[in-house]
Amino acid sequence: MIGLPEFLFMLLLAGLPGLVALYDILRSEFTGNNKLIWSVVVVLLPLAGTLFYLLIGRRQKVASTAPPGQTAPHR
């Protein structure tokens, strides 16, 4: 059985990188259903999904069309 310190460490280890990856997914543009797919993968598999997203998913983002120094308009 794990104690409270171990549980909190596991929560931090799994949760924080997953939240950062999910934030990046939600604020970025993807083609097709890739945004939905990556969101589900990161939520259901926090550690593995975050790792897969960092290795594979970030390359699938659509390049921004905004001029340098400006953000693209939100849809």
PDB file of N, CA and C in Angstrom:
ATOM      1  N   MET A   1       0.842  -1.172   0.000  1.00  0.00           N
ATOM      2  CA  MET A   1       0.000   0.000   0.000  1.00  0.00           C
ATOM      3  C   MET A   1       0.895   1.247   0.000  1.00  0.00           C
ATOM      4  N   ILE A   2       0.482   2.246  -0.735  1.00  0.00           N
ATOM      5  CA  ILE A   2       1.283   3.463  -0.807  1.00  0.00           C
ATOM      6  C   ILE A   2       0.745   4.503   0.173  1.00  0.00           C
ATOM      7  N   GLY A   3       1.647   5.331   0.662  1.00  0.00           N
ATOM      8  CA  GLY A   3       1.259   6.379   1.586  1.00  0.00           C
ATOM      9  C   GLY A   3       0.947   7.670   0.851  1.00  0.00           C
ATOM     10  N   LEU A   4       0.598   8.679   1.607  1.00  0.00           N
ATOM     11  CA  LEU A   4       0.243   9.967   1.040  1.00  0.00           C
ATOM     12  C   LEU A   4       1.393  10.615   0.277  1.00  0.00           C
ATOM     13  N   PRO A   5       2.628  10.607   0.794  1.00  0.00           N
ATOM     14  CA  PRO A   5       3.715  11.229   0.021  1.00  0.00           C
ATOM     15  C   PRO A   5       3.942  10.561  -1.337  1.00  0.00           C
ATOM     16  N   GLU A   6       3.863   9.254  -1.380  1.00  0.00           N
ATOM     17  CA  GLU A   6       4.044   8.539  -2.641  1.00  0.00           C
ATOM     18  C   GLU A   6       2.906   8.843  -3.612  1.00  0.00           C
ATOM     19  N   PHE A   7       1.686   8.904  -3.079  1.00  0.00           N
ATOM     20  CA  PHE A   7       0.523   9.210  -3.910  1.00  0.00           C
ATOM     21  C   PHE A   7       0.647  10.606  -4.506  1.00  0.00           C
ATOM     22  N   LEU A   8       1.020  11.582  -3.692  1.00  0.00           N
ATOM     23  CA  LEU A   8       1.177  12.948  -4.183  1.00  0.00           C
ATOM     24  C   LEU A   8       2.285  13.043  -5.222  1.00  0.00           C
ATOM     25  N   PHE A   9       3.373  12.312  -5.012  1.00  0.00           N
ATOM     26  CA  PHE A   9       4.458  12.302  -5.991  1.00  0.00           C
ATOM     27  C   PHE A   9       3.988  11.704  -7.313  1.00  0.00           C
ATOM     28  N   MET A  10       3.237  10.616  -7.258  1.00  0.00           N
ATOM     29  CA  MET A  10       2.726   9.987  -8.476  1.00  0.00           C
ATOM     30  C   MET A  10       1.742  10.907  -9.187  1.00  0.00           C
ATOM     31  N   LEU A  11       0.900  11.584  -8.423  1.00  0.00           N
ATOM     32  CA  LEU A  11      -0.056  12.516  -9.003  1.00  0.00           C
ATOM     33  C   LEU A  11       0.668  13.656  -9.705  1.00  0.00           C
ATOM     34  N   LEU A  12       1.694  14.194  -9.073  1.00  0.00           N
ATOM     35  CA  LEU A  12       2.477  15.262  -9.667  1.00  0.00           C
ATOM     36  C   LEU A  12       3.218  14.761 -10.904  1.00  0.00           C
ATOM     37  N   LEU A  13       3.800  13.586 -10.813  1.00  0.00           N
ATOM     38  CA  LEU A  13       4.554  13.020 -11.930  1.00  0.00           C
ATOM     39  C   LEU A  13       3.662  12.761 -13.134  1.00  0.00           C
ATOM     40  N   ALA A  14       2.453  12.257 -12.905  1.00  0.00           N
ATOM     41  CA  ALA A  14       1.542  11.936 -14.002  1.00  0.00           C
ATOM     42  C   ALA A  14       0.690  13.125 -14.415  1.00  0.00           C
ATOM     43  N   GLY A  15       0.269  13.926 -13.455  1.00  0.00           N
ATOM     44  CA  GLY A  15      -0.700  14.964 -13.738  1.00  0.00           C
ATOM     45  C   GLY A  15      -0.139  16.224 -14.362  1.00  0.00           C
ATOM     46  N   LEU A  16       0.949  16.743 -13.823  1.00  0.00           N
ATOM     47  CA  LEU A  16       1.457  18.023 -14.299  1.00  0.00           C
ATOM     48  C   LEU A  16       1.912  17.981 -15.760  1.00  0.00           C
ATOM     49  N   PRO A  17       2.728  17.020 -16.167  1.00  0.00           N
ATOM     50  CA  PRO A  17       3.089  16.975 -17.593  1.00  0.00           C
ATOM     51  C   PRO A  17       1.874  16.743 -18.496  1.00  0.00           C
ATOM     52  N   GLY A  18       0.913  15.962 -18.026  1.00  0.00           N
ATOM     53  CA  GLY A  18      -0.298  15.729 -18.800  1.00  0.00           C
ATOM     54  C   GLY A  18      -1.108  16.998 -18.978  1.00  0.00           C
ATOM     55  N   LEU A  19      -1.201  17.813 -17.927  1.00  0.00           N
ATOM     56  CA  LEU A  19      -1.930  19.080 -18.032  1.00  0.00           C
ATOM     57  C   LEU A  19      -1.228  20.045 -18.978  1.00  0.00           C
ATOM     58  N   VAL A  20       0.088  20.071 -18.925  1.00  0.00           N
ATOM     59  CA  VAL A  20       0.851  20.944 -19.832  1.00  0.00           C
ATOM     60  C   VAL A  20       0.653  20.492 -21.276  1.00  0.00           C
ATOM     61  N   ALA A  21       0.712  19.192 -21.509  1.00  0.00           N
ATOM     62  CA  ALA A  21       0.499  18.673 -22.862  1.00  0.00           C
ATOM     63  C   ALA A  21      -0.924  18.947 -23.331  1.00  0.00           C
ATOM     64  N   LEU A  22      -1.907  18.759 -22.448  1.00  0.00           N
ATOM     65  CA  LEU A  22      -3.294  19.009 -22.811  1.00  0.00           C
ATOM     66  C   LEU A  22      -3.517  20.487 -23.129  1.00  0.00           C
ATOM     67  N   TYR A  23      -2.904  21.380 -22.363  1.00  0.00           N
ATOM     68  CA  TYR A  23      -2.998  22.815 -22.638  1.00  0.00           C
ATOM     69  C   TYR A  23      -2.419  23.127 -24.014  1.00  0.00           C
ATOM     70  N   ASP A  24      -1.273  22.540 -24.331  1.00  0.00           N
ATOM     71  CA  ASP A  24      -0.646  22.768 -25.632  1.00  0.00           C
ATOM     72  C   ASP A  24      -1.521  22.242 -26.764  1.00  0.00           C
ATOM     73  N   ILE A  25      -2.126  21.094 -26.561  1.00  0.00           N
ATOM     74  CA  ILE A  25      -3.010  20.514 -27.577  1.00  0.00           C
ATOM     75  C   ILE A  25      -4.214  21.420 -27.824  1.00  0.00           C
ATOM     76  N   LEU A  26      -4.842  21.873 -26.741  1.00  0.00           N
ATOM     77  CA  LEU A  26      -6.070  22.652 -26.873  1.00  0.00           C
ATOM     78  C   LEU A  26      -5.846  24.036 -27.468  1.00  0.00           C
ATOM     79  N   ARG A  27      -4.677  24.610 -27.298  1.00  0.00           N
ATOM     80  CA  ARG A  27      -4.433  25.947 -27.840  1.00  0.00           C
ATOM     81  C   ARG A  27      -3.819  25.907 -29.241  1.00  0.00           C
ATOM     82  N   SER A  28      -3.514  24.735 -29.748  1.00  0.00           N
ATOM     83  CA  SER A  28      -2.885  24.595 -31.059  1.00  0.00           C
ATOM     84  C   SER A  28      -3.890  24.144 -32.102  1.00  0.00           C
ATOM     85  N   GLU A  29      -3.534  24.351 -33.361  1.00  0.00           N
ATOM     86  CA  GLU A  29      -4.362  23.906 -34.483  1.00  0.00           C
ATOM     87  C   GLU A  29      -3.790  22.610 -35.047  1.00  0.00           C
ATOM     88  N   PHE A  30      -4.672  21.684 -35.337  1.00  0.00           N
ATOM     89  CA  PHE A  30      -4.306  20.410 -35.951  1.00  0.00           C
ATOM     90  C   PHE A  30      -5.222  20.180 -37.147  1.00  0.00           C
ATOM     91  N   THR A  31      -4.820  19.293 -38.028  1.00  0.00           N
ATOM     92  CA  THR A  31      -5.683  18.928 -39.147  1.00  0.00           C
ATOM     93  C   THR A  31      -6.607  17.788 -38.723  1.00  0.00           C
ATOM     94  N   GLY A  32      -7.767  17.752 -39.311  1.00  0.00           N
ATOM     95  CA  GLY A  32      -8.711  16.663 -39.053  1.00  0.00           C
ATOM     96  C   GLY A  32      -9.089  16.543 -37.590  1.00  0.00           C
ATOM     97  N   ASN A  33      -9.137  15.310 -37.125  1.00  0.00           N
ATOM     98  CA  ASN A  33      -9.515  15.007 -35.742  1.00  0.00           C
ATOM     99  C   ASN A  33      -8.313  14.829 -34.826  1.00  0.00           C
ATOM    100  N   ASN A  34      -7.135  15.255 -35.251  1.00  0.00           N
ATOM    101  CA  ASN A  34      -5.937  15.028 -34.451  1.00  0.00           C
ATOM    102  C   ASN A  34      -6.014  15.674 -33.070  1.00  0.00           C
ATOM    103  N   LYS A  35      -6.641  16.843 -32.958  1.00  0.00           N
ATOM    104  CA  LYS A  35      -6.757  17.500 -31.652  1.00  0.00           C
ATOM    105  C   LYS A  35      -7.563  16.627 -30.697  1.00  0.00           C
ATOM    106  N   LEU A  36      -8.683  16.105 -31.157  1.00  0.00           N
ATOM    107  CA  LEU A  36      -9.524  15.241 -30.334  1.00  0.00           C
ATOM    108  C   LEU A  36      -8.782  13.961 -29.953  1.00  0.00           C
ATOM    109  N   ILE A  37      -8.118  13.368 -30.914  1.00  0.00           N
ATOM    110  CA  ILE A  37      -7.413  12.110 -30.670  1.00  0.00           C
ATOM    111  C   ILE A  37      -6.309  12.305 -29.638  1.00  0.00           C
ATOM    112  N   TRP A  38      -5.479  13.346 -29.803  1.00  0.00           N
ATOM    113  CA  TRP A  38      -4.396  13.588 -28.847  1.00  0.00           C
ATOM    114  C   TRP A  38      -4.940  13.935 -27.469  1.00  0.00           C
ATOM    115  N   SER A  39      -6.036  14.667 -27.400  1.00  0.00           N
ATOM    116  CA  SER A  39      -6.629  15.005 -26.102  1.00  0.00           C
ATOM    117  C   SER A  39      -7.061  13.740 -25.368  1.00  0.00           C
ATOM    118  N   VAL A  40      -7.727  12.842 -26.072  1.00  0.00           N
ATOM    119  CA  VAL A  40      -8.187  11.590 -25.465  1.00  0.00           C
ATOM    120  C   VAL A  40      -7.007  10.737 -25.031  1.00  0.00           C
ATOM    121  N   VAL A  41      -5.981  10.645 -25.858  1.00  0.00           N
ATOM    122  CA  VAL A  41      -4.805   9.837 -25.517  1.00  0.00           C
ATOM    123  C   VAL A  41      -4.131  10.367 -24.259  1.00  0.00           C
ATOM    124  N   VAL A  42      -3.955  11.684 -24.160  1.00  0.00           N
ATOM    125  CA  VAL A  42      -3.281  12.271 -22.997  1.00  0.00           C
ATOM    126  C   VAL A  42      -4.130  12.123 -21.733  1.00  0.00           C
ATOM    127  N   VAL A  43      -5.459  12.234 -21.860  1.00  0.00           N
ATOM    128  CA  VAL A  43      -6.325  12.101 -20.686  1.00  0.00           C
ATOM    129  C   VAL A  43      -6.373  10.654 -20.209  1.00  0.00           C
ATOM    130  N   LEU A  44      -6.493   9.699 -21.130  1.00  0.00           N
ATOM    131  CA  LEU A  44      -6.617   8.295 -20.736  1.00  0.00           C
ATOM    132  C   LEU A  44      -5.296   7.651 -20.340  1.00  0.00           C
ATOM    133  N   LEU A  45      -4.200   8.091 -20.931  1.00  0.00           N
ATOM    134  CA  LEU A  45      -2.873   7.545 -20.635  1.00  0.00           C
ATOM    135  C   LEU A  45      -1.923   8.691 -20.299  1.00  0.00           C
ATOM    136  N   PRO A  46      -2.010   9.257 -19.103  1.00  0.00           N
ATOM    137  CA  PRO A  46      -1.277  10.492 -18.818  1.00  0.00           C
ATOM    138  C   PRO A  46       0.227  10.422 -19.092  1.00  0.00           C
ATOM    139  N   LEU A  47       0.915   9.427 -18.591  1.00  0.00           N
ATOM    140  CA  LEU A  47       2.362   9.375 -18.800  1.00  0.00           C
ATOM    141  C   LEU A  47       2.728   8.984 -20.225  1.00  0.00           C
ATOM    142  N   ALA A  48       2.189   7.865 -20.686  1.00  0.00           N
ATOM    143  CA  ALA A  48       2.502   7.393 -22.033  1.00  0.00           C
ATOM    144  C   ALA A  48       1.951   8.343 -23.092  1.00  0.00           C
ATOM    145  N   GLY A  49       0.731   8.849 -22.882  1.00  0.00           N
ATOM    146  CA  GLY A  49       0.127   9.767 -23.843  1.00  0.00           C
ATOM    147  C   GLY A  49       0.907  11.059 -23.970  1.00  0.00           C
ATOM    148  N   THR A  50       1.376  11.593 -22.835  1.00  0.00           N
ATOM    149  CA  THR A  50       2.185  12.811 -22.865  1.00  0.00           C
ATOM    150  C   THR A  50       3.490  12.561 -23.594  1.00  0.00           C
ATOM    151  N   LEU A  51       4.122  11.447 -23.309  1.00  0.00           N
ATOM    152  CA  LEU A  51       5.377  11.111 -23.983  1.00  0.00           C
ATOM    153  C   LEU A  51       5.159  10.948 -25.486  1.00  0.00           C
ATOM    154  N   PHE A  52       4.119  10.224 -25.877  1.00  0.00           N
ATOM    155  CA  PHE A  52       3.819  10.054 -27.304  1.00  0.00           C
ATOM    156  C   PHE A  52       3.528  11.395 -27.969  1.00  0.00           C
ATOM    157  N   TYR A  53       2.768  12.254 -27.280  1.00  0.00           N
ATOM    158  CA  TYR A  53       2.462  13.565 -27.848  1.00  0.00           C
ATOM    159  C   TYR A  53       3.734  14.384 -28.051  1.00  0.00           C
ATOM    160  N   LEU A  54       4.623  14.371 -27.071  1.00  0.00           N
ATOM    161  CA  LEU A  54       5.864  15.138 -27.202  1.00  0.00           C
ATOM    162  C   LEU A  54       6.752  14.603 -28.322  1.00  0.00           C
ATOM    163  N   LEU A  55       6.747  13.294 -28.507  1.00  0.00           N
ATOM    164  CA  LEU A  55       7.594  12.685 -29.537  1.00  0.00           C
ATOM    165  C   LEU A  55       6.972  12.735 -30.929  1.00  0.00           C
ATOM    166  N   ILE A  56       5.655  12.604 -31.020  1.00  0.00           N
ATOM    167  CA  ILE A  56       4.989  12.468 -32.318  1.00  0.00           C
ATOM    168  C   ILE A  56       4.026  13.611 -32.605  1.00  0.00           C
ATOM    169  N   GLY A  57       3.167  13.922 -31.643  1.00  0.00           N
ATOM    170  CA  GLY A  57       2.053  14.826 -31.872  1.00  0.00           C
ATOM    171  C   GLY A  57       2.427  16.267 -32.150  1.00  0.00           C
ATOM    172  N   ARG A  58       3.489  16.759 -31.523  1.00  0.00           N
ATOM    173  CA  ARG A  58       3.842  18.163 -31.721  1.00  0.00           C
ATOM    174  C   ARG A  58       4.218  18.455 -33.164  1.00  0.00           C
ATOM    175  N   ARG A  59       4.696  17.461 -33.878  1.00  0.00           N
ATOM    176  CA  ARG A  59       5.036  17.646 -35.296  1.00  0.00           C
ATOM    177  C   ARG A  59       3.799  17.706 -36.185  1.00  0.00           C
ATOM    178  N   GLN A  60       2.655  17.320 -35.652  1.00  0.00           N
ATOM    179  CA  GLN A  60       1.417  17.309 -36.432  1.00  0.00           C
ATOM    180  C   GLN A  60       0.660  18.626 -36.363  1.00  0.00           C
ATOM    181  N   LYS A  61       1.164  19.577 -35.604  1.00  0.00           N
ATOM    182  CA  LYS A  61       0.488  20.869 -35.496  1.00  0.00           C
ATOM    183  C   LYS A  61       0.542  21.606 -36.819  1.00  0.00           C
ATOM    184  N   VAL A  62      -0.495  22.405 -37.079  1.00  0.00           N
ATOM    185  CA  VAL A  62      -0.550  23.241 -38.272  1.00  0.00           C
ATOM    186  C   VAL A  62       0.241  24.507 -37.965  1.00  0.00           C
ATOM    187  N   ALA A  63       1.077  24.929 -38.902  1.00  0.00           N
ATOM    188  CA  ALA A  63       1.888  26.135 -38.714  1.00  0.00           C
ATOM    189  C   ALA A  63       0.983  27.359 -38.639  1.00  0.00           C
ATOM    190  N   SER A  64       1.336  28.290 -37.786  1.00  0.00           N
ATOM    191  CA  SER A  64       0.566  29.517 -37.623  1.00  0.00           C
ATOM    192  C   SER A  64       0.739  30.412 -38.840  1.00  0.00           C
ATOM    193  N   THR A  65      -0.339  31.092 -39.233  1.00  0.00           N
ATOM    194  CA  THR A  65      -0.280  31.999 -40.382  1.00  0.00           C
ATOM    195  C   THR A  65      -0.207  33.454 -39.937  1.00  0.00           C
ATOM    196  N   ALA A  66      -0.094  33.688 -38.624  1.00  0.00           N
ATOM    197  CA  ALA A  66      -0.037  35.059 -38.106  1.00  0.00           C
ATOM    198  C   ALA A  66       1.349  35.651 -38.339  1.00  0.00           C
ATOM    199  N   PRO A  67       1.439  36.971 -38.556  1.00  0.00           N
ATOM    200  CA  PRO A  67       2.737  37.627 -38.695  1.00  0.00           C
ATOM    201  C   PRO A  67       3.544  37.480 -37.409  1.00  0.00           C
ATOM    202  N   PRO A  68       4.860  37.540 -37.471  1.00  0.00           N
ATOM    203  CA  PRO A  68       5.674  37.399 -36.278  1.00  0.00           C
ATOM    204  C   PRO A  68       5.272  38.447 -35.220  1.00  0.00           C
ATOM    205  N   GLY A  69       5.221  37.992 -33.970  1.00  0.00           N
ATOM    206  CA  GLY A  69       4.866  38.881 -32.883  1.00  0.00           C
ATOM    207  C   GLY A  69       3.376  38.954 -32.594  1.00  0.00           C
ATOM    208  N   GLN A  70       2.545  38.363 -33.460  1.00  0.00           N
ATOM    209  CA  GLN A  70       1.105  38.361 -33.238  1.00  0.00           C
ATOM    210  C   GLN A  70       0.613  36.930 -33.138  1.00  0.00           C
ATOM    211  N   THR A  71      -0.467  36.757 -32.407  1.00  0.00           N
ATOM    212  CA  THR A  71      -1.044  35.415 -32.316  1.00  0.00           C
ATOM    213  C   THR A  71      -2.135  35.257 -33.367  1.00  0.00           C
ATOM    214  N   ALA A  72      -2.352  34.033 -33.764  1.00  0.00           N
ATOM    215  CA  ALA A  72      -3.405  33.745 -34.742  1.00  0.00           C
ATOM    216  C   ALA A  72      -4.761  33.946 -34.069  1.00  0.00           C
ATOM    217  N   PRO A  73      -5.768  34.406 -34.806  1.00  0.00           N
ATOM    218  CA  PRO A  73      -7.104  34.590 -34.208  1.00  0.00           C
ATOM    219  C   PRO A  73      -7.691  33.252 -33.793  1.00  0.00           C
ATOM    220  N   HIS A  74      -8.387  33.252 -32.662  1.00  0.00           N
ATOM    221  CA  HIS A  74      -9.038  32.035 -32.178  1.00  0.00           C
ATOM    222  C   HIS A  74     -10.352  31.843 -32.902  1.00  0.00           C
ATOM    223  N   ARG A  75     -10.686  30.590 -33.134  1.00  0.00           N
ATOM    224  CA  ARG A  75     -11.929  30.272 -33.845  1.00  0.00           C
ATOM    225  C   ARG A  75     -12.957  29.793 -32.876  1.00  0.00           C
TER     226      ARG A  75
END
